[in-house]
Amino acid sequence: MLSILIAGGISLFVTLVGTPFFIKILVARQYGQFIRQDGPTSHQIKRGTPTMGGVMIIVGALLGYFVANLATGRSPNASGLLLLYLTVGLGFIGFLDDFAKIRKKQSLGLTPWAKILGQAFVGISFAVMALRFRNSENRTPATLRISILRDTNIDLAFLGVGVGIVFFVVWANFLITAWSNAVNLTDGLDGLAAGASMIAFGAYATITMWQSNQVCHGVLGQAPGCYDVRDPRDLAIVCAAIVGSCFGFLWWNTSPAKIFMGDTGSLALGGAFAGISILTRTEILAVLIGGLYLIEVGSAALQMGFYKITRKRIFRMAPLHHHFELKGWKEVTVVVRFWIIEALLMLVAVGTFYAEWLAHQ
């Protein structure tokens, strides 16, 4: 428990204290955000606000994780390192995208294909490595089993190990791409994505701590409802570090934002969310935990599909948070109400997770 508290505290301190210094560096270099012209007119005043603040979220999470392990004499485990690899890798893709926007002085960064290829490289390498690194109990960070709230008895290996691995890699990359883009779409208002991510990773910090206390040991004498997850305590430390980073960053990102997380932060957080769902065997439960992300990306997809068919719009503007802005809601009102929606979905998800454990008792 001490390592989890240290991770959250260190990452919170790093982003809370370090972000204003990072803002000064970005302002001096004129690394400001470019605002889309078709968005709400009220957003044009945000033009030039420093971006790439996700760098501080990533740095805070990394320092929180490694300092917590060092302070408590723990050795980093494969699951935590893999999750951080995915986070940093996608954050780097986002950083390149943000930097391209600044260099081109427009709101379009990397080409879609460049971003897809970058995400694919990081995602495929993560998925392949997640099936390796067996521990003393023969567990790997990920498995070929279909997972909902835990691994089921449906094993993709029945198709043949090679085919099963291919299916897993495709599925993992779908999740990584989908969740990273969903968080990216959610990051459209001051503090919205940072606050929602703090809630979502707070849920996963709770889940991984519970899994750590209920983990299966050996083959004989396993407790009813135990979790066949490798390194849940390590994953809890990473989640706590991300929560602390988002918490500290939110001080500077809340309306009126002094800095934006940019694609650096949103892709990193989305990748981390996908990764934690895979490593905790809760890919389907993640739909509830990250429900707000799903609502945002769903509204954009629905708007696009409906417009292509009917040439009419369902919402005044997509994603959904812009619709309510154009209806006259203040930005802060939209953000807080969306946080409440995310918190309610998170509570339902954690309650479902616990109820499933009770059903095994």
Protein backbone atom coordinates (compact mmCIF):
# COMPACT_ATOMS: atom_id res chain seq x y z
CA MET A 1 0.00 0.00 0.00
CA LEU A 2 2.87 2.37 0.80
CA SER A 3 4.28 2.07 -2.72
CA ILE A 4 0.88 3.00 -4.20
CA LEU A 5 0.60 6.08 -1.97
CA ILE A 6 4.15 7.17 -2.79
CA ALA A 7 3.54 6.77 -6.53
CA GLY A 8 0.43 8.94 -6.38
CA GLY A 9 2.09 11.56 -4.18
CA ILE A 10 5.28 11.86 -6.24
CA SER A 11 3.43 12.13 -9.57
CA LEU A 12 1.04 14.70 -8.10
CA PHE A 13 3.95 16.78 -6.83
CA VAL A 14 5.81 16.59 -10.15
CA THR A 15 2.90 17.81 -12.28
CA LEU A 16 1.62 20.33 -9.75
CA VAL A 17 5.00 21.99 -9.21
CA GLY A 18 6.73 21.20 -12.51
CA THR A 19 4.00 22.18 -14.97
CA PRO A 20 4.32 25.98 -14.52
CA PHE A 21 8.03 25.74 -15.36
CA PHE A 22 7.17 23.68 -18.43
CA ILE A 23 4.60 26.32 -19.40
CA LYS A 24 7.30 29.00 -19.33
CA ILE A 25 9.51 26.94 -21.63
CA LEU A 26 6.64 26.41 -24.09
CA VAL A 27 5.67 30.09 -24.04
CA ALA A 28 9.27 31.14 -24.66
CA ARG A 29 9.38 28.85 -27.71
CA GLN A 30 5.87 29.90 -28.79
CA TYR A 31 4.63 26.30 -28.79
CA GLY A 32 0.94 27.20 -28.73
CA GLN A 33 -2.26 25.40 -29.69
CA PHE A 34 -3.94 26.05 -33.03
CA ILE A 35 -7.74 25.98 -32.83
CA ARG A 36 -9.98 24.45 -35.50
CA GLN A 37 -11.89 27.13 -37.37
CA ASP A 38 -15.20 25.23 -37.45
CA GLY A 39 -15.35 24.89 -33.66
CA PRO A 40 -17.25 27.09 -31.20
CA THR A 41 -16.20 30.72 -31.62
CA SER A 42 -15.57 30.99 -27.87
CA HIS A 43 -12.59 28.65 -28.35
CA GLN A 44 -10.70 31.10 -30.54
CA ILE A 45 -9.47 32.96 -27.44
CA LYS A 46 -7.58 29.78 -26.55
CA ARG A 47 -5.39 30.12 -29.62
CA GLY A 48 -1.75 30.18 -28.60
CA THR A 49 -2.25 28.43 -25.24
CA PRO A 50 0.78 26.20 -24.64
CA THR A 51 0.24 22.58 -25.66
CA MET A 52 2.13 19.27 -25.27
CA GLY A 53 1.39 19.33 -21.53
CA GLY A 54 1.05 15.56 -21.73
CA VAL A 55 4.83 15.49 -21.39
CA MET A 56 4.40 16.42 -17.73
CA ILE A 57 1.73 13.75 -17.20
CA ILE A 58 4.08 11.11 -18.61
CA VAL A 59 7.11 12.37 -16.66
CA GLY A 60 5.07 12.49 -13.46
CA ALA A 61 3.81 8.93 -13.95
CA LEU A 62 7.28 7.59 -14.70
CA LEU A 63 8.87 9.28 -11.68
CA GLY A 64 5.99 8.22 -9.46
CA TYR A 65 6.36 4.57 -10.48
CA PHE A 66 10.13 4.29 -10.23
CA VAL A 67 10.52 6.37 -7.06
CA ALA A 68 7.78 4.31 -5.37
CA ASN A 69 9.57 1.08 -6.24
CA LEU A 70 12.93 2.46 -5.14
CA ALA A 71 11.58 3.84 -1.86
CA THR A 72 9.95 0.54 -0.88
CA GLY A 73 12.71 -1.74 -2.13
CA ARG A 74 10.55 -3.30 -4.83
CA SER A 75 11.78 -4.42 -8.22
CA PRO A 76 9.76 -3.29 -11.25
CA ASN A 77 7.75 -6.11 -12.80
CA ALA A 78 7.04 -6.94 -16.42
CA SER A 79 3.40 -5.84 -16.38
CA GLY A 80 4.13 -2.36 -15.04
CA LEU A 81 7.03 -1.83 -17.42
CA LEU A 82 4.97 -2.96 -20.40
CA LEU A 83 2.14 -0.61 -19.46
CA LEU A 84 4.60 2.28 -19.17
CA TYR A 85 6.14 1.30 -22.52
CA LEU A 86 2.72 1.54 -24.17
CA THR A 87 2.01 4.86 -22.45
CA VAL A 88 5.33 6.44 -23.40
CA GLY A 89 5.24 4.98 -26.93
CA LEU A 90 1.84 6.41 -27.78
CA GLY A 91 2.73 9.63 -25.97
CA PHE A 92 5.73 9.95 -28.31
CA ILE A 93 3.45 9.53 -31.35
CA GLY A 94 1.24 12.25 -29.89
CA PHE A 95 4.27 14.46 -29.27
CA LEU A 96 5.28 14.17 -32.93
CA ASP A 97 1.71 15.06 -33.91
CA ASP A 98 1.66 18.12 -31.61
CA PHE A 99 5.06 19.25 -32.85
CA ALA A 100 3.92 18.92 -36.48
CA LYS A 101 0.92 21.14 -35.73
CA ILE A 102 3.17 23.78 -34.22
CA ARG A 103 5.65 23.60 -37.08
CA LYS A 104 2.91 23.81 -39.74
CA LYS A 105 1.04 26.45 -37.70
CA GLN A 106 -2.31 24.72 -38.19
CA SER A 107 -4.57 22.27 -36.32
CA LEU A 108 -3.55 19.32 -38.55
CA GLY A 109 -0.45 17.40 -37.48
CA LEU A 110 0.80 14.03 -38.67
CA THR A 111 -0.92 12.45 -41.65
CA PRO A 112 -3.53 9.84 -40.70
CA TRP A 113 -1.33 7.06 -42.11
CA ALA A 114 1.72 8.21 -40.18
CA LYS A 115 -0.27 8.21 -36.94
CA ILE A 116 -1.81 4.80 -37.68
CA LEU A 117 1.57 3.25 -38.50
CA GLY A 118 3.11 4.70 -35.34
CA GLN A 119 0.27 3.41 -33.18
CA ALA A 120 0.46 0.02 -34.91
CA PHE A 121 4.19 -0.35 -34.24
CA VAL A 122 3.82 0.43 -30.55
CA GLY A 123 0.64 -1.63 -30.22
CA ILE A 124 1.95 -4.73 -31.99
CA SER A 125 5.21 -4.74 -30.05
CA PHE A 126 3.27 -4.31 -26.79
CA ALA A 127 0.88 -7.17 -27.63
CA VAL A 128 3.69 -9.55 -28.60
CA MET A 129 5.72 -8.79 -25.47
CA ALA A 130 2.62 -9.11 -23.26
CA LEU A 131 2.47 -12.81 -24.15
CA ARG A 132 6.03 -13.35 -22.96
CA PHE A 133 7.88 -12.86 -19.63
CA ARG A 134 6.53 -15.79 -17.63
CA ASN A 135 6.96 -15.53 -13.87
CA SER A 136 7.61 -18.29 -11.37
CA GLU A 137 3.93 -19.28 -11.47
CA ASN A 138 4.00 -19.53 -15.28
CA ARG A 139 1.87 -16.39 -15.76
CA THR A 140 2.37 -13.91 -18.60
CA PRO A 141 1.12 -10.30 -18.50
CA ALA A 142 -1.59 -11.16 -21.05
CA THR A 143 -3.20 -14.41 -22.19
CA LEU A 144 -4.97 -15.78 -25.26
CA ARG A 145 -8.20 -16.20 -23.31
CA ILE A 146 -11.29 -14.10 -23.96
CA SER A 147 -11.70 -11.68 -21.03
CA ILE A 148 -14.76 -9.87 -19.71
CA LEU A 149 -14.36 -9.09 -16.00
CA ARG A 150 -11.66 -11.78 -15.77
CA ASP A 151 -10.34 -14.47 -18.10
CA THR A 152 -13.05 -16.85 -19.31
CA ASN A 153 -12.52 -20.49 -20.29
CA ILE A 154 -12.59 -19.57 -23.99
CA ASP A 155 -8.98 -19.86 -25.17
CA LEU A 156 -7.96 -18.62 -28.61
CA ALA A 157 -5.24 -21.26 -28.56
CA PHE A 158 -7.88 -23.82 -29.64
CA LEU A 159 -7.51 -22.29 -33.12
CA GLY A 160 -3.82 -23.10 -32.96
CA VAL A 161 -1.26 -21.11 -31.00
CA GLY A 162 -0.08 -19.15 -34.03
CA VAL A 163 -3.60 -18.20 -35.11
CA GLY A 164 -4.51 -17.38 -31.52
CA ILE A 165 -1.56 -15.01 -31.21
CA VAL A 166 -2.55 -13.25 -34.44
CA PHE A 167 -6.13 -12.82 -33.19
CA PHE A 168 -4.87 -11.46 -29.86
CA VAL A 169 -2.50 -8.98 -31.54
CA VAL A 170 -5.32 -7.72 -33.79
CA TRP A 171 -7.71 -7.42 -30.84
CA ALA A 172 -5.15 -5.65 -28.66
CA ASN A 173 -4.35 -3.17 -31.41
CA PHE A 174 -8.02 -2.49 -32.00
CA LEU A 175 -8.41 -1.63 -28.32
CA ILE A 176 -5.27 0.52 -28.25
CA THR A 177 -6.27 2.49 -31.35
CA ALA A 178 -9.90 2.82 -30.29
CA TRP A 179 -9.25 3.99 -26.72
CA SER A 180 -6.38 6.33 -27.62
CA ASN A 181 -8.53 8.03 -30.27
CA ALA A 182 -11.51 8.13 -27.90
CA VAL A 183 -9.52 9.97 -25.22
CA ASN A 184 -8.14 12.23 -27.95
CA LEU A 185 -11.69 13.21 -28.96
CA THR A 186 -12.67 13.74 -25.32
CA ASP A 187 -9.83 16.23 -24.88
CA GLY A 188 -11.78 19.14 -26.34
CA LEU A 189 -12.60 21.25 -23.28
CA ASP A 190 -10.43 22.57 -20.46
CA GLY A 191 -9.90 19.83 -17.91
CA LEU A 192 -12.38 17.36 -19.42
CA ALA A 193 -9.99 14.56 -20.40
CA ALA A 194 -7.68 15.07 -17.40
CA GLY A 195 -10.56 14.88 -14.92
CA ALA A 196 -12.22 11.93 -16.65
CA SER A 197 -8.90 10.07 -16.78
CA MET A 198 -8.32 10.71 -13.10
CA ILE A 199 -11.66 9.03 -12.37
CA ALA A 200 -11.11 6.13 -14.79
CA PHE A 201 -7.61 5.30 -13.56
CA GLY A 202 -8.81 5.72 -10.00
CA ALA A 203 -11.23 2.88 -10.72
CA TYR A 204 -8.41 0.75 -12.09
CA ALA A 205 -6.22 1.55 -9.09
CA THR A 206 -9.02 0.15 -6.91
CA ILE A 207 -9.49 -2.93 -9.13
CA THR A 208 -5.78 -3.76 -9.28
CA MET A 209 -5.40 -3.36 -5.50
CA TRP A 210 -8.31 -5.77 -5.05
CA GLN A 211 -6.80 -8.21 -7.55
CA SER A 212 -3.50 -7.99 -5.69
CA ASN A 213 -5.21 -9.04 -2.45
CA GLN A 214 -7.16 -11.81 -4.23
CA VAL A 215 -4.52 -13.10 -6.64
CA CYS A 216 -4.30 -16.87 -7.25
CA HIS A 217 -1.22 -18.56 -5.77
CA GLY A 218 0.09 -21.80 -7.19
CA VAL A 219 -2.20 -24.58 -8.36
CA LEU A 220 -3.49 -26.07 -5.11
CA GLY A 221 -5.51 -24.27 -2.49
CA GLN A 222 -6.60 -21.35 -4.63
CA ALA A 223 -9.19 -19.11 -2.99
CA PRO A 224 -12.64 -18.93 -4.62
CA GLY A 225 -12.84 -16.07 -7.09
CA CYS A 226 -9.09 -15.41 -7.12
CA TYR A 227 -7.61 -13.56 -10.10
CA ASP A 228 -5.12 -15.14 -12.47
CA VAL A 229 -3.36 -11.83 -13.14
CA ARG A 230 0.37 -11.24 -13.20
CA ASP A 231 1.78 -8.32 -11.16
CA PRO A 232 -1.49 -6.61 -10.06
CA ARG A 233 0.37 -4.64 -7.38
CA ASP A 234 2.72 -3.27 -10.05
CA LEU A 235 -0.27 -2.24 -12.15
CA ALA A 236 -1.82 -0.54 -9.12
CA ILE A 237 1.34 1.53 -8.70
CA VAL A 238 1.20 2.66 -12.33
CA CYS A 239 -2.50 3.53 -12.04
CA ALA A 240 -1.91 5.52 -8.86
CA ALA A 241 0.94 7.38 -10.58
CA ILE A 242 -1.32 8.27 -13.52
CA VAL A 243 -4.08 9.43 -11.16
CA GLY A 244 -1.59 11.67 -9.34
CA SER A 245 -0.26 13.07 -12.61
CA CYS A 246 -3.74 13.90 -13.88
CA PHE A 247 -4.69 15.42 -10.51
CA GLY A 248 -1.69 17.75 -10.45
CA PHE A 249 -1.98 18.61 -14.13
CA LEU A 250 -5.66 19.47 -13.70
CA TRP A 251 -4.70 22.43 -11.51
CA TRP A 252 -3.19 24.10 -14.58
CA ASN A 253 -5.50 22.55 -17.18
CA THR A 254 -8.84 23.51 -15.65
CA SER A 255 -10.77 26.45 -17.17
CA PRO A 256 -9.28 28.80 -18.16
CA ALA A 257 -6.48 26.40 -19.07
CA LYS A 258 -2.91 27.59 -18.78
CA ILE A 259 -1.77 24.54 -20.78
CA PHE A 260 -3.32 21.77 -22.87
CA MET A 261 -2.26 18.13 -22.69
CA GLY A 262 -2.34 17.88 -26.50
CA ASP A 263 -2.14 14.61 -28.38
CA THR A 264 0.95 13.85 -26.27
CA GLY A 265 -1.26 13.40 -23.24
CA SER A 266 -4.48 12.11 -24.79
CA LEU A 267 -2.82 9.34 -26.82
CA ALA A 268 -0.67 8.35 -23.84
CA LEU A 269 -3.68 8.17 -21.50
CA GLY A 270 -5.77 6.32 -24.08
CA GLY A 271 -3.00 3.81 -24.66
CA ALA A 272 -2.55 3.34 -20.91
CA PHE A 273 -6.28 2.77 -20.52
CA ALA A 274 -6.31 0.11 -23.25
CA GLY A 275 -3.20 -1.49 -21.79
CA ILE A 276 -4.55 -1.70 -18.24
CA SER A 277 -7.79 -3.27 -19.50
CA ILE A 278 -5.76 -5.96 -21.30
CA LEU A 279 -3.36 -6.66 -18.44
CA THR A 280 -6.14 -6.84 -15.81
CA ARG A 281 -8.30 -9.07 -18.07
CA THR A 282 -11.17 -6.53 -18.03
CA GLU A 283 -11.46 -5.53 -21.68
CA ILE A 284 -15.27 -5.57 -21.66
CA LEU A 285 -15.62 -3.96 -18.22
CA ALA A 286 -13.51 -1.10 -19.61
CA VAL A 287 -16.52 -0.07 -21.71
CA LEU A 288 -18.20 1.01 -18.47
CA ILE A 289 -15.08 2.39 -16.76
CA GLY A 290 -14.27 4.51 -19.81
CA GLY A 291 -17.92 5.12 -20.62
CA LEU A 292 -17.49 8.85 -21.18
CA TYR A 293 -14.77 8.23 -23.77
CA LEU A 294 -17.12 5.82 -25.54
CA ILE A 295 -19.98 8.33 -25.51
CA GLU A 296 -17.72 10.99 -27.03
CA VAL A 297 -16.33 8.83 -29.84
CA GLY A 298 -19.76 7.29 -30.41
CA SER A 299 -21.34 10.71 -30.89
CA ALA A 300 -18.71 11.61 -33.49
CA ALA A 301 -19.17 8.33 -35.36
CA LEU A 302 -22.97 8.63 -35.24
CA GLN A 303 -22.84 12.21 -36.50
CA MET A 304 -20.56 11.29 -39.39
CA GLY A 305 -22.54 8.21 -40.41
CA PHE A 306 -25.93 9.91 -40.19
CA TYR A 307 -24.68 12.92 -42.17
CA LYS A 308 -23.28 10.74 -44.96
CA ILE A 309 -26.63 8.97 -45.31
CA THR A 310 -29.09 11.86 -44.85
CA ARG A 311 -26.98 15.03 -45.22
CA LYS A 312 -28.46 16.07 -41.87
CA ARG A 313 -26.87 16.36 -38.43
CA ILE A 314 -28.05 14.75 -35.21
CA PHE A 315 -25.99 17.08 -33.02
CA ARG A 316 -25.16 20.72 -33.55
CA MET A 317 -21.53 19.66 -33.50
CA ALA A 318 -19.59 16.52 -32.61
CA PRO A 319 -18.12 15.24 -30.37
CA LEU A 320 -20.93 15.62 -27.88
CA HIS A 321 -19.36 18.23 -25.57
CA HIS A 322 -19.40 20.78 -28.40
CA HIS A 323 -23.12 20.11 -28.97
CA PHE A 324 -23.93 21.27 -25.46
CA GLU A 325 -21.62 24.27 -25.79
CA LEU A 326 -23.52 25.40 -28.87
CA LYS A 327 -26.77 24.91 -26.96
CA GLY A 328 -25.60 27.60 -24.57
CA TRP A 329 -24.03 25.59 -21.71
CA LYS A 330 -20.94 27.19 -20.23
CA GLU A 331 -17.73 25.25 -20.74
CA VAL A 332 -17.29 24.61 -17.02
CA THR A 333 -20.87 23.33 -16.77
CA VAL A 334 -20.29 20.83 -19.58
CA VAL A 335 -17.03 19.64 -18.05
CA VAL A 336 -18.37 19.13 -14.52
CA ARG A 337 -21.52 17.37 -15.73
CA PHE A 338 -19.46 15.08 -17.96
CA TRP A 339 -17.20 14.32 -14.97
CA ILE A 340 -20.34 13.35 -13.02
CA ILE A 341 -21.43 11.02 -15.85
CA GLU A 342 -17.98 9.41 -15.88
CA ALA A 343 -18.03 9.03 -12.09
CA LEU A 344 -21.45 7.34 -12.17
CA LEU A 345 -20.33 4.94 -14.90
CA MET A 346 -17.17 4.20 -12.93
CA LEU A 347 -19.18 3.37 -9.80
CA VAL A 348 -21.42 1.02 -11.77
CA ALA A 349 -18.31 -0.66 -13.24
CA VAL A 350 -16.56 -1.13 -9.88
CA GLY A 351 -19.82 -2.39 -8.36
CA THR A 352 -20.19 -4.88 -11.21
CA PHE A 353 -16.60 -6.03 -10.71
CA TYR A 354 -17.18 -6.60 -7.00
CA ALA A 355 -20.55 -8.31 -7.56
CA GLU A 356 -18.88 -10.75 -9.95
CA TRP A 357 -16.31 -11.62 -7.26
CA LEU A 358 -19.08 -12.16 -4.70
CA ALA A 359 -20.79 -14.54 -7.11
CA HIS A 360 -17.73 -16.81 -6.91
CA GLN A 361 -17.82 -17.01 -3.10
